[in-house]
Amino acid sequence: MMFIGIIALVAILYLIFRPERGNHGISSHDMRDDPLEILKRRYAQGDISQEDFFRMKEELARRV
């Protein structure tokens, strides 16, 4: 009888503390990139000029 209680307790604890499937502990907000971070990455990689970077950065700041 005690064995069944232990199994039930383990099952309940598993259901409470089990990891979410699919995201591996990463929240949905963390999964998508922030537009400013994308812009910084593009500038760092040399995809855009400094002038374009600052123009786009100002445009993003106006949206917020």
PDB file of N, CA and C in Angstrom:
ATOM      1  N   MET A   1       0.824  -1.191   0.000  1.00  0.00           N
ATOM      2  CA  MET A   1       0.000   0.000   0.000  1.00  0.00           C
ATOM      3  C   MET A   1       0.869   1.256   0.000  1.00  0.00           C
ATOM      4  N   MET A   2       1.940   1.233   0.779  1.00  0.00           N
ATOM      5  CA  MET A   2       2.825   2.383   0.844  1.00  0.00           C
ATOM      6  C   MET A   2       3.530   2.592  -0.500  1.00  0.00           C
ATOM      7  N   PHE A   3       3.796   1.511  -1.216  1.00  0.00           N
ATOM      8  CA  PHE A   3       4.444   1.583  -2.517  1.00  0.00           C
ATOM      9  C   PHE A   3       3.593   2.378  -3.508  1.00  0.00           C
ATOM     10  N   ILE A   4       2.294   2.183  -3.483  1.00  0.00           N
ATOM     11  CA  ILE A   4       1.378   2.915  -4.366  1.00  0.00           C
ATOM     12  C   ILE A   4       1.391   4.405  -4.024  1.00  0.00           C
ATOM     13  N   GLY A   5       1.452   4.726  -2.757  1.00  0.00           N
ATOM     14  CA  GLY A   5       1.522   6.127  -2.333  1.00  0.00           C
ATOM     15  C   GLY A   5       2.791   6.810  -2.820  1.00  0.00           C
ATOM     16  N   ILE A   6       3.908   6.091  -2.766  1.00  0.00           N
ATOM     17  CA  ILE A   6       5.182   6.647  -3.238  1.00  0.00           C
ATOM     18  C   ILE A   6       5.129   6.882  -4.746  1.00  0.00           C
ATOM     19  N   ILE A   7       4.573   5.930  -5.473  1.00  0.00           N
ATOM     20  CA  ILE A   7       4.445   6.081  -6.926  1.00  0.00           C
ATOM     21  C   ILE A   7       3.541   7.275  -7.254  1.00  0.00           C
ATOM     22  N   ALA A   8       2.449   7.418  -6.534  1.00  0.00           N
ATOM     23  CA  ALA A   8       1.546   8.547  -6.762  1.00  0.00           C
ATOM     24  C   ALA A   8       2.251   9.870  -6.473  1.00  0.00           C
ATOM     25  N   LEU A   9       3.021   9.925  -5.405  1.00  0.00           N
ATOM     26  CA  LEU A   9       3.750  11.142  -5.055  1.00  0.00           C
ATOM     27  C   LEU A   9       4.775  11.490  -6.129  1.00  0.00           C
ATOM     28  N   VAL A  10       5.507  10.498  -6.610  1.00  0.00           N
ATOM     29  CA  VAL A  10       6.489  10.729  -7.669  1.00  0.00           C
ATOM     30  C   VAL A  10       5.791  11.225  -8.939  1.00  0.00           C
ATOM     31  N   ALA A  11       4.654  10.639  -9.278  1.00  0.00           N
ATOM     32  CA  ALA A  11       3.916  11.060 -10.472  1.00  0.00           C
ATOM     33  C   ALA A  11       3.437  12.504 -10.341  1.00  0.00           C
ATOM     34  N   ILE A  12       2.938  12.875  -9.182  1.00  0.00           N
ATOM     35  CA  ILE A  12       2.472  14.250  -8.957  1.00  0.00           C
ATOM     36  C   ILE A  12       3.641  15.230  -9.047  1.00  0.00           C
ATOM     37  N   LEU A  13       4.757  14.885  -8.415  1.00  0.00           N
ATOM     38  CA  LEU A  13       5.932  15.758  -8.476  1.00  0.00           C
ATOM     39  C   LEU A  13       6.446  15.899  -9.906  1.00  0.00           C
ATOM     40  N   TYR A  14       6.398  14.826 -10.668  1.00  0.00           N
ATOM     41  CA  TYR A  14       6.822  14.892 -12.066  1.00  0.00           C
ATOM     42  C   TYR A  14       5.929  15.846 -12.852  1.00  0.00           C
ATOM     43  N   LEU A  15       4.627  15.742 -12.651  1.00  0.00           N
ATOM     44  CA  LEU A  15       3.700  16.611 -13.377  1.00  0.00           C
ATOM     45  C   LEU A  15       3.887  18.081 -13.006  1.00  0.00           C
ATOM     46  N   ILE A  16       4.249  18.342 -11.771  1.00  0.00           N
ATOM     47  CA  ILE A  16       4.446  19.725 -11.325  1.00  0.00           C
ATOM     48  C   ILE A  16       5.760  20.291 -11.852  1.00  0.00           C
ATOM     49  N   PHE A  17       6.826  19.518 -11.777  1.00  0.00           N
ATOM     50  CA  PHE A  17       8.161  20.037 -12.078  1.00  0.00           C
ATOM     51  C   PHE A  17       8.735  19.591 -13.419  1.00  0.00           C
ATOM     52  N   ARG A  18       7.959  18.948 -14.245  1.00  0.00           N
ATOM     53  CA  ARG A  18       8.499  18.477 -15.522  1.00  0.00           C
ATOM     54  C   ARG A  18       8.876  19.657 -16.418  1.00  0.00           C
ATOM     55  N   PRO A  19       9.918  19.494 -17.194  1.00  0.00           N
ATOM     56  CA  PRO A  19      10.310  20.569 -18.114  1.00  0.00           C
ATOM     57  C   PRO A  19       9.286  20.695 -19.236  1.00  0.00           C
ATOM     58  N   GLU A  20       9.093  21.909 -19.688  1.00  0.00           N
ATOM     59  CA  GLU A  20       8.167  22.137 -20.793  1.00  0.00           C
ATOM     60  C   GLU A  20       8.747  21.513 -22.055  1.00  0.00           C
ATOM     61  N   ARG A  21       7.882  20.935 -22.839  1.00  0.00           N
ATOM     62  CA  ARG A  21       8.344  20.323 -24.083  1.00  0.00           C
ATOM     63  C   ARG A  21       8.492  21.387 -25.159  1.00  0.00           C
ATOM     64  N   GLY A  22       9.562  21.286 -25.940  1.00  0.00           N
ATOM     65  CA  GLY A  22       9.724  22.143 -27.098  1.00  0.00           C
ATOM     66  C   GLY A  22      10.587  23.362 -26.884  1.00  0.00           C
ATOM     67  N   ASN A  23      10.499  24.010 -25.723  1.00  0.00           N
ATOM     68  CA  ASN A  23      11.273  25.244 -25.588  1.00  0.00           C
ATOM     69  C   ASN A  23      12.503  25.086 -24.705  1.00  0.00           C
ATOM     70  N   HIS A  24      12.675  23.970 -24.056  1.00  0.00           N
ATOM     71  CA  HIS A  24      13.867  23.672 -23.255  1.00  0.00           C
ATOM     72  C   HIS A  24      14.193  24.764 -22.257  1.00  0.00           C
ATOM     73  N   GLY A  25      13.192  25.286 -21.576  1.00  0.00           N
ATOM     74  CA  GLY A  25      13.415  26.271 -20.535  1.00  0.00           C
ATOM     75  C   GLY A  25      13.568  27.695 -21.026  1.00  0.00           C
ATOM     76  N   ILE A  26      13.406  27.934 -22.308  1.00  0.00           N
ATOM     77  CA  ILE A  26      13.532  29.280 -22.849  1.00  0.00           C
ATOM     78  C   ILE A  26      12.135  29.857 -23.012  1.00  0.00           C
ATOM     79  N   SER A  27      11.917  31.033 -22.455  1.00  0.00           N
ATOM     80  CA  SER A  27      10.599  31.640 -22.585  1.00  0.00           C
ATOM     81  C   SER A  27      10.375  32.091 -24.019  1.00  0.00           C
ATOM     82  N   SER A  28       9.123  32.285 -24.395  1.00  0.00           N
ATOM     83  CA  SER A  28       8.821  32.696 -25.760  1.00  0.00           C
ATOM     84  C   SER A  28       9.405  34.062 -26.061  1.00  0.00           C
ATOM     85  N   HIS A  29       9.525  34.916 -25.044  1.00  0.00           N
ATOM     86  CA  HIS A  29      10.122  36.233 -25.262  1.00  0.00           C
ATOM     87  C   HIS A  29      11.599  36.101 -25.606  1.00  0.00           C
ATOM     88  N   ASP A  30      12.307  35.172 -24.972  1.00  0.00           N
ATOM     89  CA  ASP A  30      13.727  34.977 -25.245  1.00  0.00           C
ATOM     90  C   ASP A  30      13.969  34.362 -26.616  1.00  0.00           C
ATOM     91  N   MET A  31      12.994  33.646 -27.141  1.00  0.00           N
ATOM     92  CA  MET A  31      13.177  32.953 -28.400  1.00  0.00           C
ATOM     93  C   MET A  31      13.175  33.908 -29.586  1.00  0.00           C
ATOM     94  N   ARG A  32      12.494  35.012 -29.489  1.00  0.00           N
ATOM     95  CA  ARG A  32      12.492  35.938 -30.615  1.00  0.00           C
ATOM     96  C   ARG A  32      13.495  37.051 -30.344  1.00  0.00           C
ATOM     97  N   ASP A  33      14.152  37.495 -31.396  1.00  0.00           N
ATOM     98  CA  ASP A  33      15.181  38.510 -31.253  1.00  0.00           C
ATOM     99  C   ASP A  33      14.571  39.897 -31.156  1.00  0.00           C
ATOM    100  N   ASP A  34      15.168  40.709 -30.330  1.00  0.00           N
ATOM    101  CA  ASP A  34      14.808  42.103 -30.190  1.00  0.00           C
ATOM    102  C   ASP A  34      15.276  42.837 -31.448  1.00  0.00           C
ATOM    103  N   PRO A  35      14.460  43.717 -32.030  1.00  0.00           N
ATOM    104  CA  PRO A  35      14.860  44.425 -33.251  1.00  0.00           C
ATOM    105  C   PRO A  35      16.178  45.188 -33.102  1.00  0.00           C
ATOM    106  N   LEU A  36      16.400  45.793 -31.944  1.00  0.00           N
ATOM    107  CA  LEU A  36      17.649  46.521 -31.734  1.00  0.00           C
ATOM    108  C   LEU A  36      18.843  45.569 -31.724  1.00  0.00           C
ATOM    109  N   GLU A  37      18.669  44.385 -31.153  1.00  0.00           N
ATOM    110  CA  GLU A  37      19.752  43.399 -31.153  1.00  0.00           C
ATOM    111  C   GLU A  37      20.061  42.926 -32.573  1.00  0.00           C
ATOM    112  N   ILE A  38      19.032  42.750 -33.381  1.00  0.00           N
ATOM    113  CA  ILE A  38      19.239  42.365 -34.782  1.00  0.00           C
ATOM    114  C   ILE A  38      20.010  43.462 -35.500  1.00  0.00           C
ATOM    115  N   LEU A  39      19.618  44.715 -35.267  1.00  0.00           N
ATOM    116  CA  LEU A  39      20.295  45.851 -35.887  1.00  0.00           C
ATOM    117  C   LEU A  39      21.763  45.909 -35.471  1.00  0.00           C
ATOM    118  N   LYS A  40      22.022  45.728 -34.181  1.00  0.00           N
ATOM    119  CA  LYS A  40      23.405  45.740 -33.692  1.00  0.00           C
ATOM    120  C   LYS A  40      24.223  44.615 -34.325  1.00  0.00           C
ATOM    121  N   ARG A  41      23.612  43.450 -34.446  1.00  0.00           N
ATOM    122  CA  ARG A  41      24.306  42.308 -35.042  1.00  0.00           C
ATOM    123  C   ARG A  41      24.641  42.585 -36.508  1.00  0.00           C
ATOM    124  N   ARG A  42      23.680  43.161 -37.237  1.00  0.00           N
ATOM    125  CA  ARG A  42      23.920  43.479 -38.653  1.00  0.00           C
ATOM    126  C   ARG A  42      25.044  44.498 -38.809  1.00  0.00           C
ATOM    127  N   TYR A  43      25.074  45.490 -37.921  1.00  0.00           N
ATOM    128  CA  TYR A  43      26.132  46.502 -37.969  1.00  0.00           C
ATOM    129  C   TYR A  43      27.485  45.870 -37.634  1.00  0.00           C
ATOM    130  N   ALA A  44      27.516  45.037 -36.625  1.00  0.00           N
ATOM    131  CA  ALA A  44      28.761  44.382 -36.218  1.00  0.00           C
ATOM    132  C   ALA A  44      29.298  43.461 -37.313  1.00  0.00           C
ATOM    133  N   GLN A  45      28.405  42.847 -38.065  1.00  0.00           N
ATOM    134  CA  GLN A  45      28.829  41.950 -39.141  1.00  0.00           C
ATOM    135  C   GLN A  45      29.211  42.705 -40.407  1.00  0.00           C
ATOM    136  N   GLY A  46      28.961  44.024 -40.418  1.00  0.00           N
ATOM    137  CA  GLY A  46      29.302  44.826 -41.589  1.00  0.00           C
ATOM    138  C   GLY A  46      28.243  44.810 -42.668  1.00  0.00           C
ATOM    139  N   ASP A  47      27.040  44.341 -42.334  1.00  0.00           N
ATOM    140  CA  ASP A  47      25.958  44.294 -43.318  1.00  0.00           C
ATOM    141  C   ASP A  47      25.404  45.680 -43.632  1.00  0.00           C
ATOM    142  N   ILE A  48      25.491  46.604 -42.678  1.00  0.00           N
ATOM    143  CA  ILE A  48      24.979  47.960 -42.879  1.00  0.00           C
ATOM    144  C   ILE A  48      26.047  48.969 -42.463  1.00  0.00           C
ATOM    145  N   SER A  49      25.944  50.168 -43.020  1.00  0.00           N
ATOM    146  CA  SER A  49      26.909  51.221 -42.696  1.00  0.00           C
ATOM    147  C   SER A  49      26.562  51.865 -41.355  1.00  0.00           C
ATOM    148  N   GLN A  50      27.503  52.667 -40.852  1.00  0.00           N
ATOM    149  CA  GLN A  50      27.270  53.375 -39.593  1.00  0.00           C
ATOM    150  C   GLN A  50      26.096  54.343 -39.740  1.00  0.00           C
ATOM    151  N   GLU A  51      26.036  55.003 -40.880  1.00  0.00           N
ATOM    152  CA  GLU A  51      24.938  55.939 -41.147  1.00  0.00           C
ATOM    153  C   GLU A  51      23.591  55.216 -41.113  1.00  0.00           C
ATOM    154  N   ASP A  52      23.517  54.071 -41.788  1.00  0.00           N
ATOM    155  CA  ASP A  52      22.280  53.280 -41.782  1.00  0.00           C
ATOM    156  C   ASP A  52      21.943  52.806 -40.373  1.00  0.00           C
ATOM    157  N   PHE A  53      22.970  52.396 -39.617  1.00  0.00           N
ATOM    158  CA  PHE A  53      22.754  51.917 -38.254  1.00  0.00           C
ATOM    159  C   PHE A  53      22.079  52.988 -37.401  1.00  0.00           C
ATOM    160  N   PHE A  54      22.654  54.203 -37.401  1.00  0.00           N
ATOM    161  CA  PHE A  54      22.097  55.260 -36.559  1.00  0.00           C
ATOM    162  C   PHE A  54      20.715  55.706 -37.037  1.00  0.00           C
ATOM    163  N   ARG A  55      20.501  55.723 -38.341  1.00  0.00           N
ATOM    164  CA  ARG A  55      19.183  56.087 -38.872  1.00  0.00           C
ATOM    165  C   ARG A  55      18.129  55.068 -38.435  1.00  0.00           C
ATOM    166  N   MET A  56      18.446  53.796 -38.579  1.00  0.00           N
ATOM    167  CA  MET A  56      17.506  52.740 -38.196  1.00  0.00           C
ATOM    168  C   MET A  56      17.300  52.702 -36.687  1.00  0.00           C
ATOM    169  N   LYS A  57      18.356  52.961 -35.934  1.00  0.00           N
ATOM    170  CA  LYS A  57      18.244  52.976 -34.474  1.00  0.00           C
ATOM    171  C   LYS A  57      17.285  54.079 -34.021  1.00  0.00           C
ATOM    172  N   GLU A  58      17.397  55.264 -34.621  1.00  0.00           N
ATOM    173  CA  GLU A  58      16.478  56.363 -34.293  1.00  0.00           C
ATOM    174  C   GLU A  58      15.045  56.007 -34.665  1.00  0.00           C
ATOM    175  N   GLU A  59      14.889  55.362 -35.805  1.00  0.00           N
ATOM    176  CA  GLU A  59      13.555  54.951 -36.248  1.00  0.00           C
ATOM    177  C   GLU A  59      12.933  53.956 -35.265  1.00  0.00           C
ATOM    178  N   LEU A  60      13.730  53.022 -34.788  1.00  0.00           N
ATOM    179  CA  LEU A  60      13.233  52.063 -33.797  1.00  0.00           C
ATOM    180  C   LEU A  60      12.867  52.765 -32.492  1.00  0.00           C
ATOM    181  N   ALA A  61      13.665  53.744 -32.087  1.00  0.00           N
ATOM    182  CA  ALA A  61      13.395  54.466 -30.838  1.00  0.00           C
ATOM    183  C   ALA A  61      12.081  55.238 -30.929  1.00  0.00           C
ATOM    184  N   ARG A  62      11.754  55.746 -32.101  1.00  0.00           N
ATOM    185  CA  ARG A  62      10.491  56.480 -32.272  1.00  0.00           C
ATOM    186  C   ARG A  62       9.278  55.560 -32.189  1.00  0.00           C
ATOM    187  N   ARG A  63       9.452  54.316 -32.557  1.00  0.00           N
ATOM    188  CA  ARG A  63       8.339  53.358 -32.521  1.00  0.00           C
ATOM    189  C   ARG A  63       7.949  52.977 -31.103  1.00  0.00           C
ATOM    190  N   VAL A  64       8.894  52.994 -30.210  1.00  0.00           N
ATOM    191  CA  VAL A  64       8.652  52.521 -28.836  1.00  0.00           C
ATOM    192  C   VAL A  64       7.985  53.531 -28.005  1.00  0.00           C
TER     193      VAL A  64
END
